[in-house]
């Protein structure tokens, strides 16, 4: 005799699993919404397995629901993953947006300047968001523009004091000028 309530709970759990699967496909990988949808999907798997056990279903079926198909050695044929160009662009755009948001968070948390050198931060962004160095630098520039915090535009260490802020070329030019001035004044030790 089949318990109608148990079959109904299996059907409801299966529908919830389908809904959760559709929800995971809607969001770009790596986003907070995608992680939440993945957790919901895993929970829906557990609910379906529990409903199957409650309805008196076979244990192998619940294991299949929880683990997925277990492939045997030498019989598995791997299918290549195909990502459409539009999906690839959407994934890249989401990665760039997340990278820029992380830079904005860092700028707001550290308004006086970057907590680490820009190349170290760029490398972290490259590892975390799978963007190129050029894209990470672009995200940094855009985040600085959006926040208006110019303290993050400095290169490396803080600048020198006002009198010493000259390039090597300017220093050489000044030395040469001083020598020539000394020579024309009659100093013998100019050169």
N, C-alpha and C. Protein backbone atom coordinates (compact mmCIF):
# COMPACT_ATOMS: atom_id res chain seq x y z
N UNK A 1 0.84 -1.18 0.00
CA UNK A 1 0.00 0.00 0.00
C UNK A 1 0.89 1.24 0.00
N UNK A 2 0.59 2.14 -0.90
CA UNK A 2 1.39 3.34 -1.08
C UNK A 2 0.81 4.45 -0.23
N UNK A 3 1.67 5.12 0.52
CA UNK A 3 1.26 6.24 1.36
C UNK A 3 1.20 7.48 0.47
N UNK A 4 0.01 8.02 0.25
CA UNK A 4 -0.18 9.16 -0.64
C UNK A 4 0.52 10.41 -0.12
N UNK A 5 0.52 10.59 1.19
CA UNK A 5 1.17 11.77 1.76
C UNK A 5 2.68 11.72 1.53
N UNK A 6 3.26 10.53 1.65
CA UNK A 6 4.70 10.38 1.44
C UNK A 6 5.07 10.63 -0.02
N UNK A 7 4.23 10.13 -0.94
CA UNK A 7 4.48 10.36 -2.37
C UNK A 7 4.35 11.84 -2.68
N UNK A 8 3.38 12.49 -2.05
CA UNK A 8 3.21 13.93 -2.24
C UNK A 8 4.42 14.71 -1.74
N UNK A 9 5.00 14.26 -0.62
CA UNK A 9 6.18 14.96 -0.09
C UNK A 9 7.39 14.75 -1.02
N UNK A 10 7.49 13.57 -1.65
CA UNK A 10 8.56 13.32 -2.61
C UNK A 10 8.39 14.24 -3.82
N UNK A 11 7.15 14.34 -4.31
CA UNK A 11 6.87 15.19 -5.46
C UNK A 11 7.20 16.65 -5.15
N UNK A 12 6.79 17.12 -3.95
CA UNK A 12 7.07 18.50 -3.55
C UNK A 12 8.58 18.73 -3.42
N UNK A 13 9.29 17.77 -2.84
CA UNK A 13 10.75 17.90 -2.69
C UNK A 13 11.43 17.93 -4.06
N UNK A 14 10.92 17.14 -5.01
CA UNK A 14 11.49 17.12 -6.36
C UNK A 14 11.27 18.47 -7.05
N UNK A 15 10.09 19.05 -6.88
CA UNK A 15 9.80 20.36 -7.46
C UNK A 15 10.70 21.44 -6.84
N UNK A 16 10.91 21.35 -5.52
CA UNK A 16 11.81 22.29 -4.86
C UNK A 16 13.24 22.15 -5.39
N UNK A 17 13.65 20.92 -5.67
CA UNK A 17 14.97 20.68 -6.22
C UNK A 17 15.10 21.31 -7.61
N UNK A 18 14.06 21.14 -8.44
CA UNK A 18 14.07 21.75 -9.77
C UNK A 18 14.15 23.27 -9.68
N UNK A 19 13.36 23.85 -8.77
CA UNK A 19 13.36 25.29 -8.59
C UNK A 19 14.74 25.79 -8.13
N UNK A 20 15.35 25.05 -7.20
CA UNK A 20 16.67 25.43 -6.71
C UNK A 20 17.72 25.32 -7.81
N UNK A 21 17.58 24.29 -8.67
CA UNK A 21 18.52 24.14 -9.78
C UNK A 21 18.39 25.30 -10.77
N UNK A 22 17.16 25.70 -11.05
CA UNK A 22 16.94 26.84 -11.94
C UNK A 22 17.52 28.12 -11.34
N UNK A 23 17.39 28.26 -10.03
CA UNK A 23 17.89 29.46 -9.35
C UNK A 23 19.42 29.51 -9.41
N UNK A 24 20.09 28.37 -9.30
CA UNK A 24 21.57 28.38 -9.36
C UNK A 24 22.05 28.75 -10.76
N UNK A 25 21.30 28.42 -11.79
CA UNK A 25 21.70 28.75 -13.16
C UNK A 25 21.54 30.23 -13.48
N UNK A 26 20.72 30.94 -12.71
CA UNK A 26 20.46 32.35 -12.99
C UNK A 26 21.64 33.25 -12.64
N UNK A 27 22.44 32.87 -11.65
CA UNK A 27 23.44 33.77 -11.10
C UNK A 27 24.83 33.43 -11.61
N UNK A 28 25.65 34.46 -11.74
CA UNK A 28 27.04 34.30 -12.19
C UNK A 28 27.85 33.60 -11.10
N UNK A 29 28.80 32.80 -11.53
CA UNK A 29 29.64 32.07 -10.60
C UNK A 29 30.44 33.03 -9.72
N UNK A 30 30.58 32.66 -8.45
CA UNK A 30 31.40 33.44 -7.54
C UNK A 30 30.68 34.58 -6.84
N UNK A 31 29.44 34.87 -7.22
CA UNK A 31 28.72 35.95 -6.56
C UNK A 31 28.06 35.42 -5.30
N UNK A 32 27.66 36.33 -4.43
CA UNK A 32 27.00 35.94 -3.18
C UNK A 32 25.68 35.24 -3.46
N UNK A 33 24.96 35.71 -4.46
CA UNK A 33 23.68 35.08 -4.80
C UNK A 33 23.89 33.66 -5.31
N UNK A 34 24.96 33.44 -6.06
CA UNK A 34 25.25 32.10 -6.57
C UNK A 34 25.59 31.16 -5.43
N UNK A 35 26.34 31.64 -4.45
CA UNK A 35 26.69 30.81 -3.29
C UNK A 35 25.45 30.45 -2.48
N UNK A 36 24.57 31.43 -2.29
CA UNK A 36 23.32 31.17 -1.56
C UNK A 36 22.45 30.18 -2.32
N UNK A 37 22.38 30.32 -3.64
CA UNK A 37 21.59 29.41 -4.45
C UNK A 37 22.17 27.99 -4.41
N UNK A 38 23.50 27.89 -4.39
CA UNK A 38 24.14 26.57 -4.31
C UNK A 38 23.84 25.89 -2.98
N UNK A 39 23.83 26.68 -1.91
CA UNK A 39 23.49 26.12 -0.59
C UNK A 39 22.04 25.65 -0.57
N UNK A 40 21.16 26.42 -1.19
CA UNK A 40 19.75 26.03 -1.28
C UNK A 40 19.59 24.76 -2.11
N UNK A 41 20.37 24.65 -3.17
CA UNK A 41 20.34 23.46 -4.03
C UNK A 41 20.76 22.22 -3.25
N UNK A 42 21.81 22.36 -2.46
CA UNK A 42 22.29 21.23 -1.64
C UNK A 42 21.24 20.85 -0.60
N UNK A 43 20.60 21.84 -0.02
CA UNK A 43 19.54 21.58 0.96
C UNK A 43 18.36 20.87 0.30
N UNK A 44 18.03 21.27 -0.94
CA UNK A 44 16.92 20.62 -1.65
C UNK A 44 17.24 19.16 -1.95
N UNK A 45 18.51 18.85 -2.23
CA UNK A 45 18.93 17.45 -2.42
C UNK A 45 18.67 16.65 -1.15
N UNK A 46 19.05 17.22 0.00
CA UNK A 46 18.87 16.53 1.27
C UNK A 46 17.39 16.32 1.57
N UNK A 47 16.56 17.32 1.26
CA UNK A 47 15.12 17.19 1.50
C UNK A 47 14.52 16.09 0.63
N UNK A 48 14.96 16.00 -0.62
CA UNK A 48 14.45 14.96 -1.51
C UNK A 48 14.87 13.57 -1.01
N UNK A 49 16.12 13.44 -0.58
CA UNK A 49 16.59 12.16 -0.06
C UNK A 49 15.79 11.75 1.18
N UNK A 50 15.53 12.70 2.07
CA UNK A 50 14.76 12.42 3.27
C UNK A 50 13.32 12.00 2.92
N UNK A 51 12.73 12.68 1.93
CA UNK A 51 11.37 12.34 1.51
C UNK A 51 11.32 10.94 0.90
N UNK A 52 12.36 10.56 0.15
CA UNK A 52 12.40 9.22 -0.44
C UNK A 52 12.50 8.15 0.65
N UNK A 53 13.32 8.42 1.66
CA UNK A 53 13.45 7.46 2.78
C UNK A 53 12.13 7.36 3.53
N UNK A 54 11.49 8.49 3.77
CA UNK A 54 10.21 8.51 4.49
C UNK A 54 9.14 7.74 3.72
N UNK A 55 9.18 7.83 2.39
CA UNK A 55 8.19 7.14 1.56
C UNK A 55 8.51 5.66 1.42
N UNK A 56 9.66 5.23 1.96
CA UNK A 56 10.01 3.81 1.87
C UNK A 56 10.80 3.46 0.63
N UNK A 57 11.41 4.43 0.02
CA UNK A 57 12.19 4.20 -1.19
C UNK A 57 13.50 3.49 -0.89
N UNK A 58 14.14 2.96 -1.92
CA UNK A 58 15.38 2.21 -1.71
C UNK A 58 16.53 3.14 -1.29
N UNK A 59 17.42 2.58 -0.48
CA UNK A 59 18.56 3.34 0.02
C UNK A 59 19.50 3.77 -1.12
N UNK A 60 19.61 2.93 -2.15
CA UNK A 60 20.47 3.26 -3.28
C UNK A 60 19.99 4.54 -3.98
N UNK A 61 18.67 4.72 -4.03
CA UNK A 61 18.12 5.91 -4.66
C UNK A 61 18.48 7.16 -3.86
N UNK A 62 18.40 7.08 -2.54
CA UNK A 62 18.76 8.25 -1.72
C UNK A 62 20.24 8.57 -1.86
N UNK A 63 21.08 7.53 -1.96
CA UNK A 63 22.52 7.77 -2.15
C UNK A 63 22.76 8.42 -3.52
N UNK A 64 22.01 7.97 -4.52
CA UNK A 64 22.14 8.56 -5.84
C UNK A 64 21.74 10.04 -5.83
N UNK A 65 20.66 10.36 -5.10
CA UNK A 65 20.20 11.74 -5.01
C UNK A 65 21.25 12.61 -4.32
N UNK A 66 21.87 12.09 -3.27
CA UNK A 66 22.84 12.88 -2.52
C UNK A 66 24.19 12.99 -3.23
N UNK A 67 24.67 11.91 -3.84
CA UNK A 67 26.01 11.89 -4.41
C UNK A 67 26.04 12.12 -5.91
N UNK A 68 24.97 11.86 -6.59
CA UNK A 68 24.97 11.94 -8.04
C UNK A 68 25.47 10.63 -8.62
N UNK A 69 25.51 10.52 -9.93
CA UNK A 69 25.94 9.26 -10.55
C UNK A 69 27.42 9.01 -10.29
N UNK A 70 27.74 7.79 -9.89
CA UNK A 70 29.13 7.39 -9.67
C UNK A 70 29.61 6.68 -10.91
N UNK A 71 30.59 7.26 -11.58
CA UNK A 71 31.08 6.70 -12.83
C UNK A 71 32.08 5.59 -12.54
N UNK A 72 32.03 4.57 -13.36
CA UNK A 72 32.98 3.48 -13.23
C UNK A 72 34.24 3.83 -14.02
N UNK A 73 35.35 3.26 -13.60
CA UNK A 73 36.61 3.50 -14.29
C UNK A 73 36.54 2.87 -15.67
N UNK A 74 37.12 3.51 -16.67
CA UNK A 74 37.20 3.08 -18.05
C UNK A 74 35.87 3.16 -18.81
N UNK A 75 34.77 3.50 -18.16
CA UNK A 75 33.51 3.62 -18.89
C UNK A 75 33.05 5.06 -18.99
N UNK A 76 33.72 5.92 -18.27
CA UNK A 76 33.29 7.32 -18.27
C UNK A 76 33.86 8.04 -19.49
N UNK A 77 33.01 8.75 -20.17
CA UNK A 77 33.42 9.58 -21.29
C UNK A 77 33.19 11.02 -20.88
N UNK A 78 34.28 11.77 -20.75
CA UNK A 78 34.14 13.14 -20.29
C UNK A 78 33.58 14.01 -21.41
N UNK A 79 32.63 14.82 -21.05
CA UNK A 79 32.01 15.73 -22.00
C UNK A 79 32.69 17.09 -21.87
N UNK A 80 33.06 17.72 -22.96
CA UNK A 80 33.68 19.04 -22.86
C UNK A 80 32.66 20.07 -22.38
N UNK A 81 33.15 20.99 -21.58
CA UNK A 81 32.29 22.05 -21.08
C UNK A 81 32.23 23.14 -22.14
N UNK A 82 31.03 23.47 -22.55
CA UNK A 82 30.83 24.49 -23.57
C UNK A 82 30.16 25.68 -22.92
N UNK A 83 30.82 26.82 -23.03
CA UNK A 83 30.25 28.06 -22.50
C UNK A 83 30.01 28.98 -23.69
N UNK A 84 28.80 29.44 -23.80
CA UNK A 84 28.48 30.35 -24.88
C UNK A 84 29.21 31.67 -24.69
N UNK A 85 29.43 32.37 -25.80
CA UNK A 85 30.16 33.63 -25.75
C UNK A 85 29.46 34.63 -24.83
N UNK A 86 28.13 34.68 -24.89
CA UNK A 86 27.40 35.63 -24.06
C UNK A 86 27.54 35.27 -22.58
N UNK A 87 27.56 33.96 -22.28
CA UNK A 87 27.75 33.54 -20.89
C UNK A 87 29.15 33.88 -20.42
N UNK A 88 30.14 33.68 -21.29
CA UNK A 88 31.52 34.02 -20.94
C UNK A 88 31.68 35.50 -20.66
N UNK A 89 31.04 36.32 -21.50
CA UNK A 89 31.10 37.76 -21.29
C UNK A 89 30.43 38.15 -19.98
N UNK A 90 29.30 37.52 -19.68
CA UNK A 90 28.59 37.82 -18.44
C UNK A 90 29.44 37.42 -17.22
N UNK A 91 30.11 36.29 -17.31
CA UNK A 91 30.97 35.85 -16.21
C UNK A 91 32.12 36.82 -16.03
N UNK A 92 32.75 37.26 -17.13
CA UNK A 92 33.87 38.20 -17.06
C UNK A 92 33.41 39.54 -16.49
N UNK A 93 32.23 40.01 -16.93
CA UNK A 93 31.71 41.29 -16.44
C UNK A 93 31.43 41.21 -14.94
N UNK A 94 30.88 40.08 -14.49
CA UNK A 94 30.62 39.91 -13.06
C UNK A 94 31.93 39.89 -12.27
N UNK A 95 32.96 39.24 -12.82
CA UNK A 95 34.26 39.20 -12.15
C UNK A 95 34.85 40.60 -12.04
N UNK A 96 34.75 41.39 -13.11
CA UNK A 96 35.27 42.76 -13.09
C UNK A 96 34.50 43.63 -12.10
N UNK A 97 33.17 43.47 -12.08
CA UNK A 97 32.36 44.24 -11.13
C UNK A 97 32.72 43.88 -9.69
N UNK A 98 32.89 42.59 -9.42
CA UNK A 98 33.26 42.15 -8.07
C UNK A 98 34.64 42.67 -7.69
N UNK A 99 35.57 42.66 -8.63
CA UNK A 99 36.92 43.18 -8.39
C UNK A 99 36.87 44.67 -8.05
N UNK A 100 36.10 45.43 -8.82
CA UNK A 100 35.99 46.86 -8.56
C UNK A 100 35.32 47.12 -7.21
N UNK A 101 34.30 46.33 -6.88
CA UNK A 101 33.64 46.49 -5.58
C UNK A 101 34.61 46.22 -4.43
N UNK A 102 35.49 45.21 -4.60
CA UNK A 102 36.47 44.90 -3.57
C UNK A 102 37.44 46.07 -3.40
N UNK A 103 37.88 46.68 -4.52
CA UNK A 103 38.74 47.85 -4.44
C UNK A 103 38.03 49.01 -3.73
N UNK A 104 36.75 49.20 -4.04
CA UNK A 104 35.99 50.27 -3.39
C UNK A 104 35.91 50.02 -1.88
N UNK A 105 35.68 48.77 -1.49
CA UNK A 105 35.65 48.43 -0.06
C UNK A 105 37.00 48.72 0.59
N UNK A 106 38.09 48.36 -0.09
CA UNK A 106 39.42 48.62 0.46
C UNK A 106 39.69 50.11 0.57
N UNK A 107 39.27 50.88 -0.42
CA UNK A 107 39.50 52.33 -0.40
C UNK A 107 38.72 52.96 0.76
N UNK A 108 37.50 52.51 0.96
CA UNK A 108 36.70 53.06 2.07
C UNK A 108 37.23 52.64 3.42
N UNK A 109 37.78 51.42 3.50
CA UNK A 109 38.34 50.94 4.76
C UNK A 109 39.69 51.58 5.06
N UNK A 110 40.43 51.99 4.02
CA UNK A 110 41.77 52.58 4.19
C UNK A 110 41.83 53.89 3.41
N UNK A 111 41.19 54.96 3.89
CA UNK A 111 41.14 56.20 3.11
C UNK A 111 42.48 56.92 2.98
N UNK A 112 43.45 56.62 3.85
CA UNK A 112 44.74 57.31 3.81
C UNK A 112 45.68 56.75 2.76
N UNK A 113 45.39 55.59 2.23
CA UNK A 113 46.24 54.98 1.22
C UNK A 113 46.11 53.47 1.25
N UNK A 114 46.71 52.85 0.27
CA UNK A 114 46.60 51.40 0.14
C UNK A 114 47.32 50.69 1.28
N UNK A 115 46.72 49.59 1.81
CA UNK A 115 47.38 48.86 2.89
C UNK A 115 48.58 48.05 2.41
N UNK A 116 48.64 47.79 1.11
CA UNK A 116 49.73 47.02 0.53
C UNK A 116 50.12 47.66 -0.79
N UNK A 117 51.29 47.35 -1.32
CA UNK A 117 51.66 47.89 -2.63
C UNK A 117 50.65 47.49 -3.69
N UNK A 118 50.51 48.34 -4.71
CA UNK A 118 49.48 48.12 -5.72
C UNK A 118 49.67 46.82 -6.47
N UNK A 119 50.91 46.39 -6.69
CA UNK A 119 51.14 45.14 -7.42
C UNK A 119 50.71 43.93 -6.59
N UNK A 120 50.89 44.00 -5.27
CA UNK A 120 50.45 42.91 -4.39
C UNK A 120 48.92 42.83 -4.42
N UNK A 121 48.27 43.99 -4.33
CA UNK A 121 46.80 44.01 -4.39
C UNK A 121 46.31 43.51 -5.75
N UNK A 122 46.98 43.91 -6.81
CA UNK A 122 46.57 43.45 -8.15
C UNK A 122 46.71 41.94 -8.26
N UNK A 123 47.79 41.39 -7.70
CA UNK A 123 47.98 39.93 -7.74
C UNK A 123 46.88 39.22 -6.96
N UNK A 124 46.48 39.78 -5.81
CA UNK A 124 45.39 39.19 -5.03
C UNK A 124 44.08 39.21 -5.82
N UNK A 125 43.82 40.33 -6.50
CA UNK A 125 42.60 40.44 -7.31
C UNK A 125 42.64 39.44 -8.47
N UNK A 126 43.81 39.26 -9.06
CA UNK A 126 43.95 38.32 -10.17
C UNK A 126 43.64 36.90 -9.69
N UNK A 127 44.13 36.54 -8.51
CA UNK A 127 43.90 35.19 -7.98
C UNK A 127 42.46 34.99 -7.56
N UNK A 128 41.88 36.01 -6.93
CA UNK A 128 40.54 35.86 -6.39
C UNK A 128 39.44 35.94 -7.44
N UNK A 129 39.59 36.86 -8.39
CA UNK A 129 38.52 37.10 -9.35
C UNK A 129 38.84 36.61 -10.76
N UNK A 130 40.02 36.03 -10.96
CA UNK A 130 40.44 35.51 -12.26
C UNK A 130 40.38 36.57 -13.35
N UNK A 131 41.00 37.72 -13.05
CA UNK A 131 41.12 38.80 -14.01
C UNK A 131 42.59 38.96 -14.37
N UNK A 132 42.85 39.64 -15.47
CA UNK A 132 44.24 39.88 -15.88
C UNK A 132 44.80 41.06 -15.09
N UNK A 133 46.12 41.25 -15.18
CA UNK A 133 46.76 42.36 -14.50
C UNK A 133 46.21 43.69 -15.03
N UNK A 134 46.06 43.77 -16.34
CA UNK A 134 45.51 44.99 -16.95
C UNK A 134 44.09 45.27 -16.43
N UNK A 135 43.27 44.23 -16.33
CA UNK A 135 41.90 44.41 -15.84
C UNK A 135 41.88 44.80 -14.37
N UNK A 136 42.77 44.22 -13.56
CA UNK A 136 42.84 44.57 -12.14
C UNK A 136 43.24 46.04 -11.97
N UNK A 137 44.20 46.49 -12.78
CA UNK A 137 44.60 47.90 -12.72
C UNK A 137 43.46 48.81 -13.15
N UNK A 138 42.71 48.39 -14.18
CA UNK A 138 41.55 49.17 -14.62
C UNK A 138 40.48 49.26 -13.55
N UNK A 139 40.26 48.17 -12.83
CA UNK A 139 39.28 48.18 -11.74
C UNK A 139 39.72 49.13 -10.64
N UNK A 140 41.03 49.15 -10.36
CA UNK A 140 41.56 50.06 -9.35
C UNK A 140 41.33 51.52 -9.77
N UNK A 141 41.66 51.84 -11.04
CA UNK A 141 41.45 53.21 -11.54
C UNK A 141 39.99 53.62 -11.43
N UNK A 142 39.10 52.72 -11.84
CA UNK A 142 37.67 53.03 -11.82
C UNK A 142 37.18 53.20 -10.38
N UNK A 143 37.67 52.39 -9.46
CA UNK A 143 37.27 52.51 -8.06
C UNK A 143 37.75 53.83 -7.47
N UNK A 144 38.96 54.25 -7.83
CA UNK A 144 39.47 55.54 -7.36
C UNK A 144 38.61 56.67 -7.91
N UNK A 145 38.23 56.57 -9.18
CA UNK A 145 37.37 57.61 -9.78
C UNK A 145 36.02 57.66 -9.08
N UNK A 146 35.45 56.50 -8.81
CA UNK A 146 34.11 56.46 -8.22
C UNK A 146 34.11 56.97 -6.78
N UNK A 147 35.17 56.66 -6.02
CA UNK A 147 35.22 57.11 -4.63
C UNK A 147 35.76 58.52 -4.51
N UNK A 148 36.56 58.95 -5.48
CA UNK A 148 37.14 60.28 -5.42
C UNK A 148 38.31 60.38 -4.44
N UNK A 149 38.83 59.26 -3.96
CA UNK A 149 39.93 59.24 -3.00
C UNK A 149 41.25 59.25 -3.76
N UNK A 150 41.91 60.40 -3.78
CA UNK A 150 43.16 60.53 -4.53
C UNK A 150 44.37 60.04 -3.74
N UNK A 151 44.17 59.68 -2.48
CA UNK A 151 45.29 59.14 -1.70
C UNK A 151 45.75 57.80 -2.25
N UNK A 152 44.92 57.15 -3.01
CA UNK A 152 45.27 55.84 -3.57
C UNK A 152 45.98 55.97 -4.91
N UNK A 153 46.19 57.20 -5.40
CA UNK A 153 46.88 57.37 -6.68
C UNK A 153 48.38 57.49 -6.51
N UNK A 154 48.86 57.60 -5.29
CA UNK A 154 50.30 57.69 -5.05
C UNK A 154 50.99 56.42 -5.51
N UNK A 155 52.22 56.57 -5.96
CA UNK A 155 53.04 55.43 -6.35
C UNK A 155 53.94 55.06 -5.19
N UNK A 156 53.75 53.91 -4.60
CA UNK A 156 54.65 53.42 -3.57
C UNK A 156 54.62 54.24 -2.30
N UNK A 157 55.81 54.58 -1.80
CA UNK A 157 55.91 55.28 -0.53
C UNK A 157 55.42 56.73 -0.67
N UNK A 158 55.14 57.38 0.46
CA UNK A 158 54.71 58.78 0.41
C UNK A 158 55.79 59.66 -0.22
N UNK A 159 55.39 60.78 -0.82
CA UNK A 159 56.31 61.68 -1.51
C UNK A 159 57.32 62.31 -0.58
N UNK A 160 58.38 62.89 -1.17
CA UNK A 160 59.44 63.55 -0.40
C UNK A 160 58.96 64.91 0.05
N UNK A 161 59.78 65.55 0.87
CA UNK A 161 59.42 66.89 1.33
C UNK A 161 59.47 67.86 0.16
N UNK A 162 58.91 69.03 0.32
CA UNK A 162 58.70 69.96 -0.78
C UNK A 162 59.99 70.35 -1.50
N UNK A 163 61.10 70.58 -0.80
CA UNK A 163 62.33 71.03 -1.43
C UNK A 163 63.06 69.94 -2.18
N UNK A 164 62.82 68.70 -1.88
CA UNK A 164 63.57 67.60 -2.46
C UNK A 164 62.78 66.85 -3.53
N UNK A 165 61.69 67.37 -3.96
CA UNK A 165 60.84 66.65 -4.89
C UNK A 165 61.26 66.94 -6.34
N UNK A 166 62.51 66.55 -6.68
CA UNK A 166 63.04 66.81 -8.02
C UNK A 166 63.51 65.50 -8.62
N UNK A 167 63.45 65.42 -9.93
CA UNK A 167 63.94 64.23 -10.61
C UNK A 167 65.46 64.31 -10.74
N UNK A 168 66.08 63.19 -11.13
CA UNK A 168 67.53 63.15 -11.32
C UNK A 168 67.96 64.11 -12.40
N UNK A 169 67.17 64.21 -13.44
CA UNK A 169 67.49 65.11 -14.53
C UNK A 169 67.51 66.56 -14.06
N UNK A 170 66.55 66.94 -13.22
CA UNK A 170 66.50 68.30 -12.69
C UNK A 170 67.70 68.56 -11.78
N UNK A 171 68.10 67.56 -11.00
CA UNK A 171 69.24 67.71 -10.10
C UNK A 171 70.52 67.91 -10.92
N UNK A 172 70.72 67.09 -11.98
CA UNK A 172 71.91 67.24 -12.83
C UNK A 172 71.95 68.62 -13.48
N UNK A 173 70.82 69.07 -13.92
CA UNK A 173 70.73 70.37 -14.57
C UNK A 173 71.12 71.48 -13.59
N UNK A 174 70.67 71.38 -12.35
CA UNK A 174 70.97 72.38 -11.34
C UNK A 174 72.46 72.36 -10.99
N UNK A 175 73.07 71.16 -10.91
CA UNK A 175 74.50 71.04 -10.62
C UNK A 175 75.31 71.69 -11.73
N UNK A 176 74.96 71.42 -12.96
CA UNK A 176 75.66 71.99 -14.10
C UNK A 176 75.54 73.52 -14.09
N UNK A 177 74.36 74.01 -13.79
CA UNK A 177 74.13 75.46 -13.73
C UNK A 177 74.99 76.08 -12.64
N UNK A 178 75.06 75.43 -11.48
CA UNK A 178 75.87 75.94 -10.37
C UNK A 178 77.34 75.98 -10.75
N UNK A 179 77.83 74.96 -11.45
CA UNK A 179 79.22 74.91 -11.86
C UNK A 179 79.54 76.04 -12.85
N UNK A 180 78.65 76.22 -13.81
CA UNK A 180 78.87 77.28 -14.79
C UNK A 180 78.85 78.66 -14.12
N UNK A 181 77.93 78.86 -13.21
CA UNK A 181 77.84 80.12 -12.49
C UNK A 181 79.12 80.36 -11.71
N UNK A 182 79.62 79.32 -11.05
CA UNK A 182 80.86 79.43 -10.28
C UNK A 182 82.03 79.74 -11.19
N UNK A 183 82.07 79.14 -12.35
CA UNK A 183 83.18 79.36 -13.30
C UNK A 183 83.21 80.79 -13.78
N UNK A 184 82.03 81.32 -14.13
CA UNK A 184 81.99 82.67 -14.64
C UNK A 184 82.21 83.72 -13.55
N UNK A 185 81.99 83.35 -12.30
CA UNK A 185 82.27 84.28 -11.22
C UNK A 185 83.76 84.32 -10.91
N UNK A 186 84.47 83.32 -11.41
CA UNK A 186 85.91 83.32 -11.19
C UNK A 186 86.38 82.28 -10.20
N UNK A 187 85.49 81.43 -9.72
CA UNK A 187 85.93 80.36 -8.82
C UNK A 187 86.80 79.39 -9.59
N UNK A 188 87.94 79.01 -9.04
CA UNK A 188 88.85 78.13 -9.75
C UNK A 188 88.45 76.66 -9.61
N UNK A 189 87.77 76.28 -8.59
CA UNK A 189 87.46 74.85 -8.34
C UNK A 189 86.06 74.48 -8.83
N UNK A 190 85.64 75.07 -9.88
CA UNK A 190 84.28 74.82 -10.36
C UNK A 190 84.14 73.44 -10.96
N UNK A 191 85.19 72.94 -11.64
CA UNK A 191 85.05 71.65 -12.30
C UNK A 191 85.90 70.67 -11.63
